[in-house]
């Protein structure tokens, strides 16, 4: 399996120092460390080309969300990552 498509369960977690939830550390394209939620609700949305129907959604189990966007106890000076 390519490195970028590993299921999140394969990565070690550690507790967030603010809220205690498990996070995974990753590096972005600028080589900056970022905390990631290991089990986020990330969905791909597909619209009905012909109209009239609701969009179809699929859960993307290989994508993660920056934990700073979901941490409930993040200090105000950390907002925005």
PDB file of N, CA and C in Angstrom:
ATOM      1  N   UNK A   1       0.853  -1.182   0.000  1.00  0.00           N
ATOM      2  CA  UNK A   1       0.000   0.000   0.000  1.00  0.00           C
ATOM      3  C   UNK A   1       0.893   1.238   0.000  1.00  0.00           C
ATOM      4  N   UNK A   2       0.647   2.240  -0.864  1.00  0.00           N
ATOM      5  CA  UNK A   2       1.462   3.450  -0.885  1.00  0.00           C
ATOM      6  C   UNK A   2       1.448   4.155   0.468  1.00  0.00           C
ATOM      7  N   UNK A   3       2.543   4.816   0.801  1.00  0.00           N
ATOM      8  CA  UNK A   3       2.679   5.498   2.085  1.00  0.00           C
ATOM      9  C   UNK A   3       1.513   6.430   2.382  1.00  0.00           C
ATOM     10  N   UNK A   4       1.040   7.189   1.414  1.00  0.00           N
ATOM     11  CA  UNK A   4      -0.022   8.158   1.648  1.00  0.00           C
ATOM     12  C   UNK A   4      -1.401   7.557   1.794  1.00  0.00           C
ATOM     13  N   UNK A   5      -1.550   6.253   1.609  1.00  0.00           N
ATOM     14  CA  UNK A   5      -2.865   5.636   1.667  1.00  0.00           C
ATOM     15  C   UNK A   5      -3.003   4.595   2.765  1.00  0.00           C
ATOM     16  N   UNK A   6      -2.197   4.675   3.796  1.00  0.00           N
ATOM     17  CA  UNK A   6      -2.298   3.719   4.892  1.00  0.00           C
ATOM     18  C   UNK A   6      -3.548   3.995   5.719  1.00  0.00           C
ATOM     19  N   UNK A   7      -4.228   2.952   6.159  1.00  0.00           N
ATOM     20  CA  UNK A   7      -5.328   3.175   7.100  1.00  0.00           C
ATOM     21  C   UNK A   7      -4.778   3.821   8.362  1.00  0.00           C
ATOM     22  N   UNK A   8      -5.542   4.693   8.980  1.00  0.00           N
ATOM     23  CA  UNK A   8      -5.050   5.448  10.131  1.00  0.00           C
ATOM     24  C   UNK A   8      -4.702   4.559  11.310  1.00  0.00           C
ATOM     25  N   UNK A   9      -5.261   3.354  11.406  1.00  0.00           N
ATOM     26  CA  UNK A   9      -4.969   2.458  12.521  1.00  0.00           C
ATOM     27  C   UNK A   9      -3.506   2.015  12.537  1.00  0.00           C
ATOM     28  N   UNK A  10      -2.789   2.163  11.433  1.00  0.00           N
ATOM     29  CA  UNK A  10      -1.398   1.730  11.359  1.00  0.00           C
ATOM     30  C   UNK A  10      -0.419   2.744  11.945  1.00  0.00           C
ATOM     31  N   UNK A  11      -0.867   3.931  12.289  1.00  0.00           N
ATOM     32  CA  UNK A  11       0.008   4.969  12.810  1.00  0.00           C
ATOM     33  C   UNK A  11      -0.120   5.054  14.328  1.00  0.00           C
ATOM     34  N   UNK A  12       0.997   5.237  15.054  1.00  0.00           N
ATOM     35  CA  UNK A  12       0.918   5.380  16.511  1.00  0.00           C
ATOM     36  C   UNK A  12       0.297   6.720  16.895  1.00  0.00           C
ATOM     37  N   UNK A  13      -0.425   6.725  18.002  1.00  0.00           N
ATOM     38  CA  UNK A  13      -1.027   7.968  18.490  1.00  0.00           C
ATOM     39  C   UNK A  13      -0.405   8.347  19.827  1.00  0.00           C
ATOM     40  N   UNK A  14      -0.574   9.610  20.176  1.00  0.00           N
ATOM     41  CA  UNK A  14      -0.200  10.093  21.500  1.00  0.00           C
ATOM     42  C   UNK A  14      -1.266  11.096  21.918  1.00  0.00           C
ATOM     43  N   UNK A  15      -1.431  11.338  23.224  1.00  0.00           N
ATOM     44  CA  UNK A  15      -2.497  12.236  23.659  1.00  0.00           C
ATOM     45  C   UNK A  15      -2.188  13.701  23.353  1.00  0.00           C
ATOM     46  N   UNK A  16      -3.219  14.433  22.948  1.00  0.00           N
ATOM     47  CA  UNK A  16      -3.113  15.885  22.771  1.00  0.00           C
ATOM     48  C   UNK A  16      -2.836  16.505  24.139  1.00  0.00           C
ATOM     49  N   UNK A  17      -1.899  17.437  24.221  1.00  0.00           N
ATOM     50  CA  UNK A  17      -1.559  18.037  25.515  1.00  0.00           C
ATOM     51  C   UNK A  17      -2.653  18.963  26.037  1.00  0.00           C
ATOM     52  N   UNK A  18      -3.620  19.309  25.194  1.00  0.00           N
ATOM     53  CA  UNK A  18      -4.704  20.189  25.621  1.00  0.00           C
ATOM     54  C   UNK A  18      -5.962  19.420  26.018  1.00  0.00           C
ATOM     55  N   UNK A  19      -6.395  18.475  25.178  1.00  0.00           N
ATOM     56  CA  UNK A  19      -7.670  17.789  25.434  1.00  0.00           C
ATOM     57  C   UNK A  19      -7.516  16.313  25.776  1.00  0.00           C
ATOM     58  N   UNK A  20      -6.344  15.727  25.515  1.00  0.00           N
ATOM     59  CA  UNK A  20      -6.103  14.333  25.844  1.00  0.00           C
ATOM     60  C   UNK A  20      -6.507  13.321  24.782  1.00  0.00           C
ATOM     61  N   UNK A  21      -7.177  13.759  23.716  1.00  0.00           N
ATOM     62  CA  UNK A  21      -7.565  12.831  22.647  1.00  0.00           C
ATOM     63  C   UNK A  21      -6.323  12.360  21.892  1.00  0.00           C
ATOM     64  N   UNK A  22      -6.380  11.131  21.368  1.00  0.00           N
ATOM     65  CA  UNK A  22      -5.255  10.588  20.612  1.00  0.00           C
ATOM     66  C   UNK A  22      -5.055  11.333  19.302  1.00  0.00           C
ATOM     67  N   UNK A  23      -3.806  11.677  18.998  1.00  0.00           N
ATOM     68  CA  UNK A  23      -3.479  12.360  17.743  1.00  0.00           C
ATOM     69  C   UNK A  23      -2.317  11.646  17.062  1.00  0.00           C
ATOM     70  N   UNK A  24      -2.192  11.872  15.780  1.00  0.00           N
ATOM     71  CA  UNK A  24      -1.084  11.379  14.973  1.00  0.00           C
ATOM     72  C   UNK A  24      -0.313  12.602  14.488  1.00  0.00           C
ATOM     73  N   UNK A  25       1.010  12.565  14.579  1.00  0.00           N
ATOM     74  CA  UNK A  25       1.819  13.675  14.078  1.00  0.00           C
ATOM     75  C   UNK A  25       2.249  13.392  12.646  1.00  0.00           C
ATOM     76  N   UNK A  26       2.115  14.405  11.793  1.00  0.00           N
ATOM     77  CA  UNK A  26       2.539  14.302  10.403  1.00  0.00           C
ATOM     78  C   UNK A  26       3.234  15.585   9.991  1.00  0.00           C
ATOM     79  N   UNK A  27       3.920  15.557   8.869  1.00  0.00           N
ATOM     80  CA  UNK A  27       4.574  16.759   8.340  1.00  0.00           C
ATOM     81  C   UNK A  27       3.852  17.194   7.084  1.00  0.00           C
ATOM     82  N   UNK A  28       3.646  18.515   6.973  1.00  0.00           N
ATOM     83  CA  UNK A  28       2.987  19.043   5.781  1.00  0.00           C
ATOM     84  C   UNK A  28       4.011  19.298   4.674  1.00  0.00           C
ATOM     85  N   UNK A  29       3.544  19.873   3.566  1.00  0.00           N
ATOM     86  CA  UNK A  29       4.420  20.103   2.411  1.00  0.00           C
ATOM     87  C   UNK A  29       5.536  21.103   2.692  1.00  0.00           C
ATOM     88  N   UNK A  30       5.417  21.876   3.801  1.00  0.00           N
ATOM     89  CA  UNK A  30       6.455  22.834   4.194  1.00  0.00           C
ATOM     90  C   UNK A  30       7.363  22.266   5.287  1.00  0.00           C
ATOM     91  N   UNK A  31       7.279  20.950   5.515  1.00  0.00           N
ATOM     92  CA  UNK A  31       8.084  20.251   6.512  1.00  0.00           C
ATOM     93  C   UNK A  31       7.755  20.695   7.935  1.00  0.00           C
ATOM     94  N   UNK A  32       6.521  21.152   8.158  1.00  0.00           N
ATOM     95  CA  UNK A  32       6.057  21.595   9.475  1.00  0.00           C
ATOM     96  C   UNK A  32       5.223  20.477  10.109  1.00  0.00           C
ATOM     97  N   UNK A  33       5.503  20.155  11.373  1.00  0.00           N
ATOM     98  CA  UNK A  33       4.744  19.133  12.087  1.00  0.00           C
ATOM     99  C   UNK A  33       3.336  19.628  12.386  1.00  0.00           C
ATOM    100  N   UNK A  34       2.348  18.776  12.145  1.00  0.00           N
ATOM    101  CA  UNK A  34       0.958  19.125  12.448  1.00  0.00           C
ATOM    102  C   UNK A  34       0.280  17.943  13.138  1.00  0.00           C
ATOM    103  N   UNK A  35      -0.591  18.240  14.135  1.00  0.00           N
ATOM    104  CA  UNK A  35      -1.334  17.174  14.803  1.00  0.00           C
ATOM    105  C   UNK A  35      -2.567  16.814  13.980  1.00  0.00           C
ATOM    106  N   UNK A  36      -2.829  15.517  13.850  1.00  0.00           N
ATOM    107  CA  UNK A  36      -3.948  15.056  13.028  1.00  0.00           C
ATOM    108  C   UNK A  36      -4.885  14.163  13.834  1.00  0.00           C
ATOM    109  N   UNK A  37      -6.185  14.294  13.578  1.00  0.00           N
ATOM    110  CA  UNK A  37      -7.166  13.394  14.179  1.00  0.00           C
ATOM    111  C   UNK A  37      -7.098  12.056  13.449  1.00  0.00           C
ATOM    112  N   UNK A  38      -6.918  10.940  14.175  1.00  0.00           N
ATOM    113  CA  UNK A  38      -6.786   9.649  13.509  1.00  0.00           C
ATOM    114  C   UNK A  38      -8.083   9.078  12.941  1.00  0.00           C
ATOM    115  N   UNK A  39      -9.223   9.497  13.437  1.00  0.00           N
ATOM    116  CA  UNK A  39     -10.498   8.960  12.934  1.00  0.00           C
ATOM    117  C   UNK A  39     -11.481  10.092  12.648  1.00  0.00           C
ATOM    118  N   UNK A  40     -11.139  10.966  11.729  1.00  0.00           N
ATOM    119  CA  UNK A  40     -12.033  12.084  11.431  1.00  0.00           C
ATOM    120  C   UNK A  40     -13.195  11.647  10.549  1.00  0.00           C
ATOM    121  N   UNK A  41     -14.192  12.464  10.531  1.00  0.00           N
ATOM    122  CA  UNK A  41     -15.307  12.253   9.598  1.00  0.00           C
ATOM    123  C   UNK A  41     -15.002  13.059   8.339  1.00  0.00           C
ATOM    124  N   UNK A  42     -14.271  12.463   7.406  1.00  0.00           N
ATOM    125  CA  UNK A  42     -13.923  13.116   6.145  1.00  0.00           C
ATOM    126  C   UNK A  42     -14.703  12.420   5.044  1.00  0.00           C
ATOM    127  N   UNK A  43     -15.441  13.195   4.273  1.00  0.00           N
ATOM    128  CA  UNK A  43     -16.285  12.627   3.224  1.00  0.00           C
ATOM    129  C   UNK A  43     -15.986  13.262   1.873  1.00  0.00           C
ATOM    130  N   UNK A  44     -16.075  12.467   0.825  1.00  0.00           N
ATOM    131  CA  UNK A  44     -16.045  12.962  -0.548  1.00  0.00           C
ATOM    132  C   UNK A  44     -17.498  13.102  -0.979  1.00  0.00           C
ATOM    133  N   UNK A  45     -17.830  14.231  -1.590  1.00  0.00           N
ATOM    134  CA  UNK A  45     -19.210  14.493  -2.007  1.00  0.00           C
ATOM    135  C   UNK A  45     -19.278  14.485  -3.529  1.00  0.00           C
ATOM    136  N   UNK A  46     -20.218  13.716  -4.054  1.00  0.00           N
ATOM    137  CA  UNK A  46     -20.428  13.618  -5.494  1.00  0.00           C
ATOM    138  C   UNK A  46     -21.830  14.110  -5.800  1.00  0.00           C
ATOM    139  N   UNK A  47     -21.934  15.077  -6.680  1.00  0.00           N
ATOM    140  CA  UNK A  47     -23.248  15.620  -7.017  1.00  0.00           C
ATOM    141  C   UNK A  47     -23.915  14.798  -8.103  1.00  0.00           C
ATOM    142  N   UNK A  48     -25.222  14.858  -8.120  1.00  0.00           N
ATOM    143  CA  UNK A  48     -26.020  14.174  -9.135  1.00  0.00           C
ATOM    144  C   UNK A  48     -25.919  14.985 -10.420  1.00  0.00           C
ATOM    145  N   UNK A  49     -25.281  14.437 -11.446  1.00  0.00           N
ATOM    146  CA  UNK A  49     -25.070  15.164 -12.703  1.00  0.00           C
ATOM    147  C   UNK A  49     -26.370  15.570 -13.378  1.00  0.00           C
ATOM    148  N   UNK A  50     -27.416  14.817 -13.171  1.00  0.00           N
ATOM    149  CA  UNK A  50     -28.687  15.092 -13.834  1.00  0.00           C
ATOM    150  C   UNK A  50     -29.634  15.911 -12.964  1.00  0.00           C
ATOM    151  N   UNK A  51     -29.232  16.204 -11.753  1.00  0.00           N
ATOM    152  CA  UNK A  51     -30.071  16.978 -10.850  1.00  0.00           C
ATOM    153  C   UNK A  51     -31.215  16.145 -10.301  1.00  0.00           C
ATOM    154  N   UNK A  52     -31.863  16.686  -9.319  1.00  0.00           N
ATOM    155  CA  UNK A  52     -33.032  16.030  -8.778  1.00  0.00           C
ATOM    156  C   UNK A  52     -32.769  15.071  -7.635  1.00  0.00           C
ATOM    157  N   UNK A  53     -31.552  14.674  -7.444  1.00  0.00           N
ATOM    158  CA  UNK A  53     -31.255  13.740  -6.362  1.00  0.00           C
ATOM    159  C   UNK A  53     -30.274  14.333  -5.377  1.00  0.00           C
ATOM    160  N   UNK A  54     -30.228  13.767  -4.188  1.00  0.00           N
ATOM    161  CA  UNK A  54     -29.265  14.263  -3.198  1.00  0.00           C
ATOM    162  C   UNK A  54     -27.851  13.858  -3.602  1.00  0.00           C
ATOM    163  N   UNK A  55     -26.844  14.575  -3.110  1.00  0.00           N
ATOM    164  CA  UNK A  55     -25.468  14.186  -3.428  1.00  0.00           C
ATOM    165  C   UNK A  55     -25.139  12.839  -2.787  1.00  0.00           C
ATOM    166  N   UNK A  56     -24.246  12.115  -3.415  1.00  0.00           N
ATOM    167  CA  UNK A  56     -23.750  10.858  -2.865  1.00  0.00           C
ATOM    168  C   UNK A  56     -22.472  11.168  -2.102  1.00  0.00           C
ATOM    169  N   UNK A  57     -22.303  10.569  -0.927  1.00  0.00           N
ATOM    170  CA  UNK A  57     -21.091  10.793  -0.142  1.00  0.00           C
ATOM    171  C   UNK A  57     -20.432   9.457   0.171  1.00  0.00           C
ATOM    172  N   UNK A  58     -19.107   9.481   0.221  1.00  0.00           N
ATOM    173  CA  UNK A  58     -18.344   8.314   0.642  1.00  0.00           C
ATOM    174  C   UNK A  58     -17.333   8.769   1.681  1.00  0.00           C
ATOM    175  N   UNK A  59     -17.156   7.966   2.707  1.00  0.00           N
ATOM    176  CA  UNK A  59     -16.198   8.308   3.746  1.00  0.00           C
ATOM    177  C   UNK A  59     -14.796   7.971   3.264  1.00  0.00           C
ATOM    178  N   UNK A  60     -13.882   8.922   3.412  1.00  0.00           N
ATOM    179  CA  UNK A  60     -12.481   8.736   3.036  1.00  0.00           C
ATOM    180  C   UNK A  60     -11.718   8.327   4.292  1.00  0.00           C
ATOM    181  N   UNK A  61     -11.426   7.053   4.435  1.00  0.00           N
ATOM    182  CA  UNK A  61     -10.794   6.538   5.647  1.00  0.00           C
ATOM    183  C   UNK A  61      -9.289   6.753   5.680  1.00  0.00           C
ATOM    184  N   UNK A  62      -8.719   7.282   4.610  1.00  0.00           N
ATOM    185  CA  UNK A  62      -7.274   7.519   4.558  1.00  0.00           C
ATOM    186  C   UNK A  62      -6.916   8.993   4.698  1.00  0.00           C
ATOM    187  N   UNK A  63      -7.908   9.848   4.906  1.00  0.00           N
ATOM    188  CA  UNK A  63      -7.657  11.280   5.089  1.00  0.00           C
ATOM    189  C   UNK A  63      -7.826  11.640   6.558  1.00  0.00           C
ATOM    190  N   UNK A  64      -7.100  12.653   6.979  1.00  0.00           N
ATOM    191  CA  UNK A  64      -7.181  13.113   8.363  1.00  0.00           C
ATOM    192  C   UNK A  64      -7.372  14.625   8.389  1.00  0.00           C
ATOM    193  N   UNK A  65      -7.922  15.104   9.497  1.00  0.00           N
ATOM    194  CA  UNK A  65      -8.170  16.530   9.702  1.00  0.00           C
ATOM    195  C   UNK A  65      -7.161  17.051  10.723  1.00  0.00           C
ATOM    196  N   UNK A  66      -6.683  18.283  10.513  1.00  0.00           N
ATOM    197  CA  UNK A  66      -5.800  18.918  11.486  1.00  0.00           C
ATOM    198  C   UNK A  66      -6.521  18.965  12.831  1.00  0.00           C
ATOM    199  N   UNK A  67      -5.891  18.450  13.881  1.00  0.00           N
ATOM    200  CA  UNK A  67      -6.525  18.393  15.201  1.00  0.00           C
ATOM    201  C   UNK A  67      -6.832  19.785  15.751  1.00  0.00           C
ATOM    202  N   UNK A  68      -6.102  20.796  15.320  1.00  0.00           N
ATOM    203  CA  UNK A  68      -6.397  22.157  15.777  1.00  0.00           C
ATOM    204  C   UNK A  68      -7.799  22.595  15.359  1.00  0.00           C
ATOM    205  N   UNK A  69      -8.361  21.991  14.336  1.00  0.00           N
ATOM    206  CA  UNK A  69      -9.718  22.335  13.893  1.00  0.00           C
ATOM    207  C   UNK A  69     -10.786  21.676  14.759  1.00  0.00           C
ATOM    208  N   UNK A  70     -10.433  20.639  15.513  1.00  0.00           N
ATOM    209  CA  UNK A  70     -11.432  19.898  16.284  1.00  0.00           C
ATOM    210  C   UNK A  70     -11.173  19.869  17.784  1.00  0.00           C
ATOM    211  N   UNK A  71     -10.010  20.296  18.238  1.00  0.00           N
ATOM    212  CA  UNK A  71      -9.666  20.243  19.662  1.00  0.00           C
ATOM    213  C   UNK A  71     -10.586  21.159  20.459  1.00  0.00           C
ATOM    214  N   UNK A  72     -11.227  20.599  21.477  1.00  0.00           N
ATOM    215  CA  UNK A  72     -12.193  21.365  22.278  1.00  0.00           C
ATOM    216  C   UNK A  72     -11.535  22.214  23.355  1.00  0.00           C
ATOM    217  N   UNK A  73     -10.254  22.018  23.618  1.00  0.00           N
ATOM    218  CA  UNK A  73      -9.573  22.767  24.678  1.00  0.00           C
ATOM    219  C   UNK A  73      -8.353  23.532  24.166  1.00  0.00           C
ATOM    220  N   UNK A  74      -8.296  23.757  22.868  1.00  0.00           N
ATOM    221  CA  UNK A  74      -7.165  24.453  22.260  1.00  0.00           C
ATOM    222  C   UNK A  74      -7.139  25.917  22.703  1.00  0.00           C
ATOM    223  N   UNK A  75      -5.992  26.415  23.184  1.00  0.00           N
ATOM    224  CA  UNK A  75      -5.901  27.827  23.572  1.00  0.00           C
ATOM    225  C   UNK A  75      -6.159  28.751  22.380  1.00  0.00           C
ATOM    226  N   UNK A  76      -6.697  29.920  22.656  1.00  0.00           N
ATOM    227  CA  UNK A  76      -7.047  30.883  21.604  1.00  0.00           C
ATOM    228  C   UNK A  76      -5.845  31.243  20.733  1.00  0.00           C
ATOM    229  N   UNK A  77      -4.640  31.293  21.303  1.00  0.00           N
ATOM    230  CA  UNK A  77      -3.461  31.675  20.511  1.00  0.00           C
ATOM    231  C   UNK A  77      -3.016  30.577  19.549  1.00  0.00           C
ATOM    232  N   UNK A  78      -3.608  29.391  19.627  1.00  0.00           N
ATOM    233  CA  UNK A  78      -3.279  28.296  18.714  1.00  0.00           C
ATOM    234  C   UNK A  78      -4.314  28.142  17.607  1.00  0.00           C
ATOM    235  N   UNK A  79      -5.425  28.847  17.688  1.00  0.00           N
ATOM    236  CA  UNK A  79      -6.490  28.706  16.684  1.00  0.00           C
ATOM    237  C   UNK A  79      -5.954  29.052  15.304  1.00  0.00           C
ATOM    238  N   UNK A  80      -6.370  28.284  14.328  1.00  0.00           N
ATOM    239  CA  UNK A  80      -5.943  28.525  12.951  1.00  0.00           C
ATOM    240  C   UNK A  80      -4.709  27.734  12.558  1.00  0.00           C
ATOM    241  N   UNK A  81      -4.169  26.944  13.505  1.00  0.00           N
ATOM    242  CA  UNK A  81      -3.028  26.081  13.187  1.00  0.00           C
ATOM    243  C   UNK A  81      -1.810  26.886  13.001  1.00  0.00           C
TER     244      UNK A  81
END
